[in-house]
Amino acid sequence: MQSVSEMVQIVGEIHPYIDAFHIREKKKSARELIEIVNQLNANGVPLEKIIINDRIDVAMVARVKGVQLAYHSLDISAVRRVFPSLRLGCSVHSLNEALYAEKFGADYVLFGHIFSTQSKPDVEPRGLEKLREVTTKVTIPVISIGGIDFKHVKKVLKTGVQGVAVMSGVMLADNPLQAVKEYSFQLGLRERGKAK
């Protein structure tokens, strides 16, 4: 498990190669989350690249890019109505959930997990066919997540996703900067130098 200072250091190095960094610290208080945002920003990470998990209050106060909602979060339609300018992502695990998120105001959905992952060892992966089903039925961007290693990227892209979300593949790599560059290369974004 990484300390906040280790995380901040890594994200400070890799942020030129990513579109967004999702702070998913469920046990942290609002004050602690704001402090993480401040540390990231002080280390050169732009606020427009930071996504806060679930905590709409923190996202608004910190003026970050947006918030990632989950099944236990406030309903997306209510959040969209009250905070029309906030960029809203929804974590979904089925086509119906993705369609609901799209209908009620999500800017994008995060769908997974696609492959086996240590973070969810007892849950069956959804796989590429379910991912393809979602990408063909919704019009908002679909970002894939879950066990996506370098060797999976090209197969994942063929489903029509707009990008991939990676946690341990970068954050726990021996060399996170080299890892994010490899993902960027696999995504075909070498010239732009970015990976989701």
Protein backbone atom coordinates (compact mmCIF):
# COMPACT_ATOMS: atom_id res chain seq x y z
CA MET A 1 0.00 0.00 0.00
CA GLN A 2 1.36 3.42 -0.98
CA SER A 3 1.55 6.46 1.21
CA VAL A 4 -0.03 9.69 0.05
CA SER A 5 3.41 11.22 -0.47
CA GLU A 6 4.45 8.29 -2.70
CA MET A 7 1.26 8.60 -4.72
CA VAL A 8 1.72 12.35 -5.12
CA GLN A 9 5.30 11.86 -6.30
CA ILE A 10 4.30 9.23 -8.87
CA VAL A 11 1.38 11.23 -10.25
CA GLY A 12 3.59 14.30 -10.47
CA GLU A 13 5.90 12.33 -12.78
CA ILE A 14 3.28 10.60 -14.93
CA HIS A 15 0.60 13.29 -15.34
CA PRO A 16 1.90 14.57 -18.71
CA TYR A 17 1.07 11.11 -20.12
CA ILE A 18 -2.47 10.74 -18.74
CA ASP A 19 -5.79 12.50 -19.27
CA ALA A 20 -7.06 12.12 -15.71
CA PHE A 21 -6.13 10.85 -12.26
CA HIS A 22 -8.94 9.34 -10.18
CA ILE A 23 -8.53 9.80 -6.42
CA ARG A 24 -10.29 6.76 -4.97
CA GLU A 25 -9.58 7.04 -1.26
CA LYS A 26 -12.86 5.87 0.27
CA LYS A 27 -11.68 6.04 3.88
CA LYS A 28 -10.31 9.58 3.74
CA SER A 29 -12.25 12.51 5.16
CA ALA A 30 -13.21 15.50 3.04
CA ARG A 31 -10.39 17.49 4.63
CA GLU A 32 -7.87 14.75 3.83
CA LEU A 33 -9.07 14.55 0.24
CA ILE A 34 -8.72 18.29 -0.23
CA GLU A 35 -5.19 18.03 1.15
CA ILE A 36 -4.36 15.32 -1.40
CA VAL A 37 -5.69 17.54 -4.19
CA ASN A 38 -3.60 20.44 -2.89
CA GLN A 39 -0.47 18.28 -2.74
CA LEU A 40 -1.02 16.98 -6.27
CA ASN A 41 -1.59 20.49 -7.57
CA ALA A 42 1.50 21.78 -5.75
CA ASN A 43 3.44 18.96 -7.44
CA GLY A 44 2.41 20.19 -10.87
CA VAL A 45 -0.75 18.14 -11.52
CA PRO A 46 -3.41 20.43 -13.05
CA LEU A 47 -6.80 20.49 -11.30
CA GLU A 48 -8.46 19.73 -14.64
CA LYS A 49 -6.81 16.30 -14.59
CA ILE A 50 -8.12 15.29 -11.15
CA ILE A 51 -11.29 13.22 -10.61
CA ILE A 52 -12.68 12.68 -7.09
CA ASN A 53 -14.44 9.42 -6.25
CA ASP A 54 -18.04 9.89 -5.02
CA ARG A 55 -17.44 13.10 -3.02
CA ILE A 56 -19.28 15.82 -4.93
CA ASP A 57 -18.66 18.32 -2.13
CA VAL A 58 -14.90 17.83 -2.36
CA ALA A 59 -14.92 18.00 -6.15
CA MET A 60 -16.81 21.30 -6.11
CA VAL A 61 -14.76 22.92 -3.36
CA ALA A 62 -11.45 21.76 -4.84
CA ARG A 63 -12.54 22.85 -8.37
CA VAL A 64 -11.23 19.67 -9.93
CA LYS A 65 -12.18 18.18 -13.30
CA GLY A 66 -15.07 16.10 -12.01
CA VAL A 67 -16.48 13.34 -9.87
CA GLN A 68 -16.78 9.58 -10.38
CA LEU A 69 -20.10 8.18 -9.15
CA ALA A 70 -20.73 4.57 -8.13
CA TYR A 71 -23.83 2.48 -7.48
CA HIS A 72 -23.94 3.72 -3.88
CA SER A 73 -23.50 7.40 -4.82
CA LEU A 74 -26.21 10.01 -5.15
CA ASP A 75 -28.37 9.43 -8.21
CA ILE A 76 -26.77 10.92 -11.29
CA SER A 77 -29.93 12.77 -12.37
CA ALA A 78 -29.99 14.71 -9.08
CA VAL A 79 -26.28 15.51 -9.27
CA ARG A 80 -26.62 16.69 -12.88
CA ARG A 81 -29.60 18.88 -11.99
CA VAL A 82 -27.89 20.58 -9.05
CA PHE A 83 -24.36 20.72 -10.50
CA PRO A 84 -24.81 21.14 -14.27
CA SER A 85 -21.22 22.23 -14.86
CA LEU A 86 -19.57 19.30 -13.07
CA ARG A 87 -18.06 16.59 -15.27
CA LEU A 88 -19.73 13.35 -14.22
CA GLY A 89 -18.44 9.85 -14.71
CA CYS A 90 -20.30 6.71 -13.65
CA SER A 91 -18.84 3.35 -12.77
CA VAL A 92 -21.07 0.71 -14.39
CA HIS A 93 -21.07 -3.07 -14.59
CA SER A 94 -23.82 -3.81 -17.12
CA LEU A 95 -25.41 -2.44 -20.26
CA ASN A 96 -28.54 -1.37 -18.35
CA GLU A 97 -26.44 0.62 -15.88
CA ALA A 98 -24.57 2.26 -18.75
CA LEU A 99 -27.81 3.19 -20.54
CA TYR A 100 -29.23 4.63 -17.32
CA ALA A 101 -26.09 6.69 -16.74
CA GLU A 102 -26.21 8.04 -20.28
CA LYS A 103 -29.92 8.88 -20.08
CA PHE A 104 -29.58 10.83 -16.86
CA GLY A 105 -26.53 12.91 -17.61
CA ALA A 106 -23.24 11.04 -17.35
CA ASP A 107 -20.45 12.50 -19.47
CA TYR A 108 -18.79 9.07 -19.68
CA VAL A 109 -18.95 5.61 -18.11
CA LEU A 110 -16.21 3.50 -16.60
CA PHE A 111 -17.02 -0.15 -17.40
CA GLY A 112 -15.41 -3.18 -15.84
CA HIS A 113 -13.77 -5.12 -14.70
CA ILE A 114 -12.73 -6.54 -18.04
CA PHE A 115 -10.04 -9.05 -17.04
CA SER A 116 -9.17 -10.78 -13.77
CA THR A 117 -7.77 -8.37 -11.25
CA GLN A 118 -6.33 -8.64 -7.76
CA SER A 119 -8.63 -5.86 -6.55
CA LYS A 120 -11.70 -8.07 -7.22
CA PRO A 121 -10.46 -11.68 -6.97
CA ASP A 122 -13.88 -13.22 -6.26
CA VAL A 123 -15.84 -11.45 -9.03
CA GLU A 124 -16.07 -12.87 -12.54
CA PRO A 125 -14.60 -10.51 -15.19
CA ARG A 126 -17.09 -9.03 -17.65
CA GLY A 127 -14.83 -9.63 -20.65
CA LEU A 128 -14.47 -8.06 -24.07
CA GLU A 129 -17.85 -9.09 -25.47
CA LYS A 130 -19.77 -7.33 -22.69
CA LEU A 131 -17.52 -4.32 -23.18
CA ARG A 132 -18.25 -4.30 -26.91
CA GLU A 133 -21.97 -4.53 -26.18
CA VAL A 134 -21.78 -1.38 -24.08
CA THR A 135 -19.68 0.57 -26.57
CA THR A 136 -22.10 -0.20 -29.39
CA LYS A 137 -25.24 0.75 -27.43
CA VAL A 138 -24.26 4.01 -25.72
CA THR A 139 -23.14 7.20 -27.40
CA ILE A 140 -21.12 8.70 -24.54
CA PRO A 141 -17.46 7.68 -24.11
CA VAL A 142 -16.78 4.30 -22.51
CA ILE A 143 -13.56 3.85 -20.54
CA SER A 144 -12.56 0.26 -19.73
CA ILE A 145 -11.03 -0.82 -16.44
CA GLY A 146 -9.86 -3.95 -14.69
CA GLY A 147 -6.76 -6.06 -15.23
CA ILE A 148 -5.73 -4.26 -18.41
CA ASP A 149 -2.08 -5.11 -19.01
CA PHE A 150 0.02 -3.93 -21.97
CA LYS A 151 -0.84 -7.09 -23.91
CA HIS A 152 -4.57 -6.40 -23.57
CA VAL A 153 -4.66 -2.81 -24.82
CA LYS A 154 -5.02 -3.44 -28.56
CA LYS A 155 -7.79 -6.02 -28.01
CA VAL A 156 -9.61 -3.61 -25.71
CA LEU A 157 -9.37 -0.75 -28.21
CA LYS A 158 -11.02 -2.93 -30.90
CA THR A 159 -14.23 -2.90 -28.84
CA GLY A 160 -14.70 0.82 -29.48
CA VAL A 161 -13.70 2.21 -26.07
CA GLN A 162 -12.43 5.76 -25.77
CA GLY A 163 -9.65 4.77 -23.39
CA VAL A 164 -8.43 2.58 -20.56
CA ALA A 165 -8.14 3.16 -16.86
CA VAL A 166 -5.18 1.53 -15.12
CA MET A 167 -4.35 1.32 -11.44
CA SER A 168 -1.73 -1.23 -10.38
CA GLY A 169 -0.28 -1.49 -13.90
CA VAL A 170 1.15 1.98 -13.43
CA MET A 171 0.96 2.92 -9.76
CA LEU A 172 2.54 -0.32 -8.52
CA ALA A 173 4.98 -0.77 -11.40
CA ASP A 174 8.71 -0.86 -10.65
CA ASN A 175 9.02 2.16 -12.93
CA PRO A 176 5.65 3.98 -13.15
CA LEU A 177 6.90 6.52 -15.69
CA GLN A 178 8.15 3.80 -18.03
CA ALA A 179 4.90 1.87 -17.54
CA VAL A 180 2.69 4.84 -18.42
CA LYS A 181 4.80 5.50 -21.51
CA GLU A 182 4.31 1.88 -22.58
CA TYR A 183 0.53 2.19 -22.16
CA SER A 184 0.66 5.41 -24.15
CA PHE A 185 2.54 3.63 -26.93
CA GLN A 186 0.08 0.71 -26.94
CA LEU A 187 -2.82 3.17 -27.13
CA GLY A 188 -1.27 4.71 -30.22
CA LEU A 189 -0.81 8.03 -28.48
CA ARG A 190 2.96 8.17 -28.69
CA GLU A 191 3.08 11.54 -30.44
CA ARG A 192 0.60 13.17 -28.09
CA GLY A 193 2.23 11.46 -25.12
CA LYS A 194 -1.05 10.69 -23.38
CA ALA A 195 -2.84 7.66 -22.04
CA LYS A 196 -6.12 7.61 -20.17
